[in-house]
PDB file of N, CA and C in Angstrom:
ATOM      1  N   MET A   1      21.791-187.206  82.225  1.00  0.00           N
ATOM      2  CA  MET A   1      20.534-186.841  81.459  1.00  0.00           C
ATOM      3  C   MET A   1      19.484-186.116  82.389  1.00  0.00           C
ATOM      4  N   ASP A   2      18.881-184.965  82.415  1.00  0.00           N
ATOM      5  CA  ASP A   2      18.144-183.985  83.155  1.00  0.00           C
ATOM      6  C   ASP A   2      17.245-184.936  83.669  1.00  0.00           C
ATOM      7  N   THR A   3      16.768-184.183  84.643  1.00  0.00           N
ATOM      8  CA  THR A   3      15.687-185.215  85.534  1.00  0.00           C
ATOM      9  C   THR A   3      14.198-184.635  84.633  1.00  0.00           C
ATOM     10  N   ALA A   4      13.810-183.323  83.982  1.00  0.00           N
ATOM     11  CA  ALA A   4      12.877-182.917  83.295  1.00  0.00           C
ATOM     12  C   ALA A   4      13.074-183.064  82.125  1.00  0.00           C
ATOM     13  N   THR A   5      14.228-184.093  81.502  1.00  0.00           N
ATOM     14  CA  THR A   5      13.764-184.300  80.238  1.00  0.00           C
ATOM     15  C   THR A   5      13.534-185.918  79.982  1.00  0.00           C
ATOM     16  N   LYS A   6      13.866-186.536  81.099  1.00  0.00           N
ATOM     17  CA  LYS A   6      13.240-188.320  81.332  1.00  0.00           C
ATOM     18  C   LYS A   6      11.958-188.336  80.831  1.00  0.00           C
ATOM     19  N   GLU A   7      12.012-189.369  79.679  1.00  0.00           N
ATOM     20  CA  GLU A   7      10.366-189.864  79.578  1.00  0.00           C
ATOM     21  C   GLU A   7       9.932-191.062  80.349  1.00  0.00           C
ATOM     22  N   THR A   8       8.835-190.542  80.494  1.00  0.00           N
ATOM     23  CA  THR A   8       8.074-192.507  81.133  1.00  0.00           C
ATOM     24  C   THR A   8       8.153-193.328  80.063  1.00  0.00           C
ATOM     25  N   ASN A   9       8.197-194.725  79.866  1.00  0.00           N
ATOM     26  CA  ASN A   9       8.056-195.987  79.437  1.00  0.00           C
ATOM     27  C   ASN A   9       6.662-195.522  78.117  1.00  0.00           C
ATOM     28  N   HIS A  10       5.562-194.919  79.001  1.00  0.00           N
ATOM     29  CA  HIS A  10       4.395-194.786  77.490  1.00  0.00           C
ATOM     30  C   HIS A  10       5.247-193.747  76.687  1.00  0.00           C
ATOM     31  N   GLN A  11       5.520-192.556  77.171  1.00  0.00           N
ATOM     32  CA  GLN A  11       6.212-191.531  76.052  1.00  0.00           C
ATOM     33  C   GLN A  11       7.035-192.399  74.671  1.00  0.00           C
ATOM     34  N   ALA A  12       8.193-193.030  76.013  1.00  0.00           N
ATOM     35  CA  ALA A  12       9.321-193.552  74.769  1.00  0.00           C
ATOM     36  C   ALA A  12       8.754-194.322  74.292  1.00  0.00           C
ATOM     37  N   LEU A  13       7.383-195.686  74.349  1.00  0.00           N
ATOM     38  CA  LEU A  13       7.011-196.742  73.590  1.00  0.00           C
ATOM     39  C   LEU A  13       5.965-195.689  72.314  1.00  0.00           C
ATOM     40  N   GLU A  14       5.387-194.538  72.662  1.00  0.00           N
ATOM     41  CA  GLU A  14       4.782-193.569  71.846  1.00  0.00           C
ATOM     42  C   GLU A  14       5.733-193.055  70.684  1.00  0.00           C
ATOM     43  N   ARG A  15       6.831-192.915  70.885  1.00  0.00           N
ATOM     44  CA  ARG A  15       8.179-192.007  70.419  1.00  0.00           C
ATOM     45  C   ARG A  15       8.586-193.224  69.542  1.00  0.00           C
ATOM     46  N   ILE A  16       8.926-194.547  69.647  1.00  0.00           N
ATOM     47  CA  ILE A  16       9.109-195.561  69.417  1.00  0.00           C
ATOM     48  C   ILE A  16       8.690-196.011  68.077  1.00  0.00           C
ATOM     49  N   ALA A  17       7.464-196.291  68.412  1.00  0.00           N
ATOM     50  CA  ALA A  17       6.341-196.467  67.600  1.00  0.00           C
ATOM     51  C   ALA A  17       6.006-195.789  66.581  1.00  0.00           C
ATOM     52  N   HIS A  18       6.437-194.285  66.608  1.00  0.00           N
ATOM     53  CA  HIS A  18       5.800-193.518  65.324  1.00  0.00           C
ATOM     54  C   HIS A  18       7.320-192.587  64.774  1.00  0.00           C
ATOM     55  N   THR A  19       8.498-193.447  65.043  1.00  0.00           N
ATOM     56  CA  THR A  19       9.520-193.076  63.879  1.00  0.00           C
ATOM     57  C   THR A  19      10.380-194.146  63.327  1.00  0.00           C
ATOM     58  N   ASN A  20      11.160-193.968  63.132  1.00  0.00           N
ATOM     59  CA  ASN A  20      11.874-194.912  61.806  1.00  0.00           C
ATOM     60  C   ASN A  20      13.551-195.441  62.631  1.00  0.00           C
ATOM     61  N   LEU A  21      13.705-194.471  63.594  1.00  0.00           N
ATOM     62  CA  LEU A  21      14.832-194.930  64.191  1.00  0.00           C
ATOM     63  C   LEU A  21      14.728-195.306  65.386  1.00  0.00           C
ATOM     64  N   SER A  22      16.295-195.811  65.711  1.00  0.00           N
ATOM     65  CA  SER A  22      16.331-196.425  67.057  1.00  0.00           C
ATOM     66  C   SER A  22      17.579-196.033  67.839  1.00  0.00           C
ATOM     67  N   ASP A  23      17.983-196.107  69.129  1.00  0.00           N
ATOM     68  CA  ASP A  23      18.939-196.160  69.804  1.00  0.00           C
ATOM     69  C   ASP A  23      19.363-196.941  70.334  1.00  0.00           C
ATOM     70  N   GLU A  24      20.521-197.321  70.868  1.00  0.00           N
ATOM     71  CA  GLU A  24      21.261-198.225  72.444  1.00  0.00           C
ATOM     72  C   GLU A  24      19.602-198.237  73.397  1.00  0.00           C
ATOM     73  N   ARG A  25      19.514-196.697  73.820  1.00  0.00           N
ATOM     74  CA  ARG A  25      18.612-196.241  74.636  1.00  0.00           C
ATOM     75  C   ARG A  25      17.002-196.810  74.570  1.00  0.00           C
ATOM     76  N   ASP A  26      16.743-196.702  73.450  1.00  0.00           N
ATOM     77  CA  ASP A  26      15.408-197.425  73.313  1.00  0.00           C
ATOM     78  C   ASP A  26      15.149-199.017  73.086  1.00  0.00           C
ATOM     79  N   SER A  27      16.389-199.633  72.680  1.00  0.00           N
ATOM     80  CA  SER A  27      16.836-200.913  73.023  1.00  0.00           C
ATOM     81  C   SER A  27      16.462-201.270  74.607  1.00  0.00           C
ATOM     82  N   LEU A  28      17.134-200.631  75.729  1.00  0.00           N
ATOM     83  CA  LEU A  28      16.998-200.913  76.650  1.00  0.00           C
ATOM     84  C   LEU A  28      15.979-200.625  77.047  1.00  0.00           C
ATOM     85  N   ILE A  29      14.909-199.495  76.761  1.00  0.00           N
ATOM     86  CA  ILE A  29      13.398-199.696  77.644  1.00  0.00           C
ATOM     87  C   ILE A  29      12.917-200.606  76.988  1.00  0.00           C
ATOM     88  N   ILE A  30      12.776-200.848  75.813  1.00  0.00           N
ATOM     89  CA  ILE A  30      11.887-201.888  75.183  1.00  0.00           C
ATOM     90  C   ILE A  30      12.303-203.416  76.040  1.00  0.00           C
ATOM     91  N   ALA A  31      13.236-203.402  76.165  1.00  0.00           N
ATOM     92  CA  ALA A  31      13.935-204.711  76.826  1.00  0.00           C
ATOM     93  C   ALA A  31      13.365-205.144  78.428  1.00  0.00           C
ATOM     94  N   ASP A  32      13.625-203.774  78.428  1.00  0.00           N
ATOM     95  CA  ASP A  32      13.306-203.503  80.499  1.00  0.00           C
ATOM     96  C   ASP A  32      11.776-203.766  80.565  1.00  0.00           C
ATOM     97  N   ILE A  33      10.549-203.471  79.102  1.00  0.00           N
ATOM     98  CA  ILE A  33       9.700-203.326  79.618  1.00  0.00           C
ATOM     99  C   ILE A  33       8.748-205.098  78.798  1.00  0.00           C
ATOM    100  N   LEU A  34       9.807-205.147  78.163  1.00  0.00           N
ATOM    101  CA  LEU A  34       9.146-206.945  77.961  1.00  0.00           C
ATOM    102  C   LEU A  34       9.665-207.493  79.272  1.00  0.00           C
ATOM    103  N   ARG A  35      11.103-207.508  79.543  1.00  0.00           N
ATOM    104  CA  ARG A  35      11.532-208.490  81.050  1.00  0.00           C
ATOM    105  C   ARG A  35      10.086-208.432  81.723  1.00  0.00           C
ATOM    106  N   ARG A  36       9.612-207.501  82.130  1.00  0.00           N
ATOM    107  CA  ARG A  36       8.573-207.118  83.679  1.00  0.00           C
ATOM    108  C   ARG A  36       7.664-207.690  82.769  1.00  0.00           C
ATOM    109  N   THR A  37       6.997-207.801  81.692  1.00  0.00           N
ATOM    110  CA  THR A  37       5.789-208.328  81.421  1.00  0.00           C
ATOM    111  C   THR A  37       5.501-209.539  80.872  1.00  0.00           C
ATOM    112  N   GLY A  38       6.884-210.952  80.806  1.00  0.00           N
ATOM    113  CA  GLY A  38       6.806-212.298  80.830  1.00  0.00           C
ATOM    114  C   GLY A  38       8.158-212.426  79.534  1.00  0.00           C
ATOM    115  N   PHE A  39       9.098-212.302  79.617  1.00  0.00           N
ATOM    116  CA  PHE A  39       9.993-212.289  78.595  1.00  0.00           C
ATOM    117  C   PHE A  39      11.372-212.062  79.090  1.00  0.00           C
ATOM    118  N   PRO A  40      11.430-212.866  80.031  1.00  0.00           N
ATOM    119  CA  PRO A  40      12.846-213.018  80.958  1.00  0.00           C
ATOM    120  C   PRO A  40      13.885-213.029  80.008  1.00  0.00           C
ATOM    121  N   ASN A  41      13.698-213.580  78.667  1.00  0.00           N
ATOM    122  CA  ASN A  41      14.901-213.676  77.497  1.00  0.00           C
ATOM    123  C   ASN A  41      15.617-212.800  76.393  1.00  0.00           C
ATOM    124  N   VAL A  42      14.588-211.681  76.577  1.00  0.00           N
ATOM    125  CA  VAL A  42      14.305-211.058  75.739  1.00  0.00           C
ATOM    126  C   VAL A  42      15.594-210.417  75.034  1.00  0.00           C
ATOM    127  N   VAL A  43      16.168-210.049  74.104  1.00  0.00           N
ATOM    128  CA  VAL A  43      17.405-209.412  73.548  1.00  0.00           C
ATOM    129  C   VAL A  43      16.902-208.862  72.165  1.00  0.00           C
ATOM    130  N   VAL A  44      17.084-207.747  72.414  1.00  0.00           N
ATOM    131  CA  VAL A  44      17.121-206.591  71.612  1.00  0.00           C
ATOM    132  C   VAL A  44      18.356-205.577  71.344  1.00  0.00           C
ATOM    133  N   THR A  45      18.571-205.838  69.697  1.00  0.00           N
ATOM    134  CA  THR A  45      20.134-205.766  69.168  1.00  0.00           C
ATOM    135  C   THR A  45      19.631-205.021  67.594  1.00  0.00           C
ATOM    136  N   CYS A  46      20.049-203.399  67.141  1.00  0.00           N
ATOM    137  CA  CYS A  46      20.034-202.868  65.948  1.00  0.00           C
ATOM    138  C   CYS A  46      18.530-203.188  65.791  1.00  0.00           C
ATOM    139  N   GLY A  47      18.098-202.770  66.790  1.00  0.00           N
ATOM    140  CA  GLY A  47      16.471-202.605  65.841  1.00  0.00           C
ATOM    141  C   GLY A  47      15.786-203.645  66.010  1.00  0.00           C
ATOM    142  N   ILE A  48      16.417-204.688  66.401  1.00  0.00           N
ATOM    143  CA  ILE A  48      15.336-206.230  66.273  1.00  0.00           C
ATOM    144  C   ILE A  48      15.106-207.225  67.503  1.00  0.00           C
ATOM    145  N   VAL A  49      14.062-207.362  67.988  1.00  0.00           N
ATOM    146  CA  VAL A  49      13.689-207.853  68.697  1.00  0.00           C
ATOM    147  C   VAL A  49      13.796-209.289  68.725  1.00  0.00           C
ATOM    148  N   TYR A  50      14.263-210.228  69.745  1.00  0.00           N
ATOM    149  CA  TYR A  50      14.196-211.654  69.563  1.00  0.00           C
ATOM    150  C   TYR A  50      13.433-211.751  71.110  1.00  0.00           C
ATOM    151  N   LEU A  51      12.636-212.001  71.194  1.00  0.00           N
ATOM    152  CA  LEU A  51      11.246-212.274  72.364  1.00  0.00           C
ATOM    153  C   LEU A  51      11.832-213.511  73.176  1.00  0.00           C
ATOM    154  N   GLU A  52      12.213-214.814  72.262  1.00  0.00           N
ATOM    155  CA  GLU A  52      12.955-215.687  72.826  1.00  0.00           C
ATOM    156  C   GLU A  52      14.660-216.039  73.087  1.00  0.00           C
ATOM    157  N   GLY A  53      14.976-214.716  72.951  1.00  0.00           N
ATOM    158  CA  GLY A  53      15.999-214.625  73.014  1.00  0.00           C
ATOM    159  C   GLY A  53      17.328-214.908  71.533  1.00  0.00           C
ATOM    160  N   ARG A  54      16.220-215.621  70.832  1.00  0.00           N
ATOM    161  CA  ARG A  54      16.838-215.933  69.330  1.00  0.00           C
ATOM    162  C   ARG A  54      15.144-216.157  68.477  1.00  0.00           C
ATOM    163  N   GLY A  55      15.753-216.063  67.264  1.00  0.00           N
ATOM    164  CA  GLY A  55      14.276-216.646  66.395  1.00  0.00           C
ATOM    165  C   GLY A  55      13.519-217.709  66.701  1.00  0.00           C
ATOM    166  N   THR A  56      13.251-217.796  66.552  1.00  0.00           N
ATOM    167  CA  THR A  56      12.497-219.186  66.212  1.00  0.00           C
ATOM    168  C   THR A  56      11.048-219.237  65.833  1.00  0.00           C
ATOM    169  N   ILE A  57      10.889-220.419  65.167  1.00  0.00           N
ATOM    170  CA  ILE A  57       9.236-219.991  64.551  1.00  0.00           C
ATOM    171  C   ILE A  57       7.751-219.514  64.475  1.00  0.00           C
ATOM    172  N   ALA A  58       7.675-219.773  66.021  1.00  0.00           N
ATOM    173  CA  ALA A  58       7.231-219.432  67.460  1.00  0.00           C
ATOM    174  C   ALA A  58       6.831-217.790  67.491  1.00  0.00           C
ATOM    175  N   THR A  59       8.507-218.058  67.656  1.00  0.00           N
ATOM    176  CA  THR A  59       8.875-216.309  67.751  1.00  0.00           C
ATOM    177  C   THR A  59       9.782-215.392  66.969  1.00  0.00           C
ATOM    178  N   PRO A  60       9.630-215.269  66.050  1.00  0.00           N
ATOM    179  CA  PRO A  60      10.371-214.804  65.074  1.00  0.00           C
ATOM    180  C   PRO A  60      10.606-213.504  65.120  1.00  0.00           C
ATOM    181  N   PRO A  61      12.083-212.706  64.854  1.00  0.00           N
ATOM    182  CA  PRO A  61      12.519-211.802  65.125  1.00  0.00           C
ATOM    183  C   PRO A  61      11.190-210.505  64.880  1.00  0.00           C
ATOM    184  N   ALA A  62      11.101-209.305  65.147  1.00  0.00           N
ATOM    185  CA  ALA A  62      10.522-208.277  65.418  1.00  0.00           C
ATOM    186  C   ALA A  62      10.783-206.903  65.195  1.00  0.00           C
ATOM    187  N   SER A  63      10.709-206.002  64.485  1.00  0.00           N
ATOM    188  CA  SER A  63      11.005-204.825  64.426  1.00  0.00           C
ATOM    189  C   SER A  63      11.024-204.039  65.797  1.00  0.00           C
ATOM    190  N   ILE A  64      11.782-202.867  66.850  1.00  0.00           N
ATOM    191  CA  ILE A  64      11.440-202.665  67.541  1.00  0.00           C
ATOM    192  C   ILE A  64      10.001-201.346  67.180  1.00  0.00           C
ATOM    193  N   HIS A  65      10.100-201.273  66.639  1.00  0.00           N
ATOM    194  CA  HIS A  65       9.480-200.348  66.117  1.00  0.00           C
ATOM    195  C   HIS A  65       7.258-201.148  66.010  1.00  0.00           C
ATOM    196  N   GLY A  66       7.912-202.427  65.462  1.00  0.00           N
ATOM    197  CA  GLY A  66       6.630-203.075  65.365  1.00  0.00           C
ATOM    198  C   GLY A  66       6.291-203.452  66.887  1.00  0.00           C
ATOM    199  N   ILE A  67       7.044-203.958  67.757  1.00  0.00           N
ATOM    200  CA  ILE A  67       6.880-204.038  69.151  1.00  0.00           C
ATOM    201  C   ILE A  67       6.301-203.193  69.837  1.00  0.00           C
ATOM    202  N   ALA A  68       6.721-201.760  69.884  1.00  0.00           N
ATOM    203  CA  ALA A  68       6.180-200.846  70.277  1.00  0.00           C
ATOM    204  C   ALA A  68       4.840-200.358  70.036  1.00  0.00           C
ATOM    205  N   LYS A  69       4.351-200.263  68.894  1.00  0.00           N
ATOM    206  CA  LYS A  69       2.823-200.621  68.308  1.00  0.00           C
ATOM    207  C   LYS A  69       2.310-201.520  69.050  1.00  0.00           C
ATOM    208  N   MET A  70       2.902-202.399  68.753  1.00  0.00           N
ATOM    209  CA  MET A  70       2.003-203.794  69.560  1.00  0.00           C
ATOM    210  C   MET A  70       1.778-203.367  71.210  1.00  0.00           C
ATOM    211  N   LEU A  71       2.596-203.173  71.651  1.00  0.00           N
ATOM    212  CA  LEU A  71       2.326-202.924  73.271  1.00  0.00           C
ATOM    213  C   LEU A  71       1.446-201.619  73.787  1.00  0.00           C
ATOM    214  N   LEU A  72       1.885-200.732  72.705  1.00  0.00           N
ATOM    215  CA  LEU A  72       0.695-199.364  72.756  1.00  0.00           C
ATOM    216  C   LEU A  72      -0.910-199.947  72.704  1.00  0.00           C
ATOM    217  N   LYS A  73      -0.616-200.537  71.720  1.00  0.00           N
ATOM    218  CA  LYS A  73      -2.168-201.486  71.170  1.00  0.00           C
ATOM    219  C   LYS A  73      -2.813-202.050  72.654  1.00  0.00           C
ATOM    220  N   ILE A  74      -1.694-202.521  73.342  1.00  0.00           N
ATOM    221  CA  ILE A  74      -2.494-204.068  74.317  1.00  0.00           C
ATOM    222  C   ILE A  74      -3.044-202.402  75.450  1.00  0.00           C
ATOM    223  N   ILE A  75      -2.092-201.857  75.512  1.00  0.00           N
ATOM    224  CA  ILE A  75      -2.157-201.101  76.938  1.00  0.00           C
ATOM    225  C   ILE A  75      -3.492-200.115  76.326  1.00  0.00           C
ATOM    226  N   LYS A  76      -4.106-199.752  74.925  1.00  0.00           N
ATOM    227  CA  LYS A  76      -4.955-198.958  75.098  1.00  0.00           C
ATOM    228  C   LYS A  76      -6.431-199.703  75.205  1.00  0.00           C
ATOM    229  N   GLU A  77      -6.426-201.275  74.861  1.00  0.00           N
ATOM    230  CA  GLU A  77      -7.419-202.216  74.856  1.00  0.00           C
ATOM    231  C   GLU A  77      -7.342-202.616  76.677  1.00  0.00           C
ATOM    232  N   GLN A  78      -6.563-202.526  77.031  1.00  0.00           N
ATOM    233  CA  GLN A  78      -6.769-202.716  78.673  1.00  0.00           C
ATOM    234  C   GLN A  78      -7.119-201.587  79.395  1.00  0.00           C
ATOM    235  N   GLU A  79      -6.829-200.325  78.762  1.00  0.00           N
ATOM    236  CA  GLU A  79      -7.701-199.233  79.274  1.00  0.00           C
ATOM    237  C   GLU A  79      -8.967-198.671  78.856  1.00  0.00           C
ATOM    238  N   LYS A  80      -9.986-199.603  77.761  1.00  0.00           N
ATOM    239  CA  LYS A  80     -11.021-199.295  78.142  1.00  0.00           C
ATOM    240  C   LYS A  80     -11.867-200.364  78.551  1.00  0.00           C
ATOM    241  N   ASN A  81     -11.155-201.715  78.924  1.00  0.00           N
ATOM    242  CA  ASN A  81     -11.440-202.780  79.963  1.00  0.00           C
ATOM    243  C   ASN A  81     -11.506-202.187  81.090  1.00  0.00           C
TER     244      ASN A  81
END
């Protein structure tokens, strides 16, 4: 990939949050962000995020788009404070 076309993590989150499509690259981006923020066992596959590596009652599976929206919301709240 050309360096001029690389996205920042924030740009990738914006794109994922506002589309209905995702690919393997998106899965890797979300997994990397979540691992660095305290979810070392996260698994992202076929557009589904398993925060604990599997679905549990405490952490049920979520869509990659929903997780991206949640992360953006957290970022915006932190920027306010």
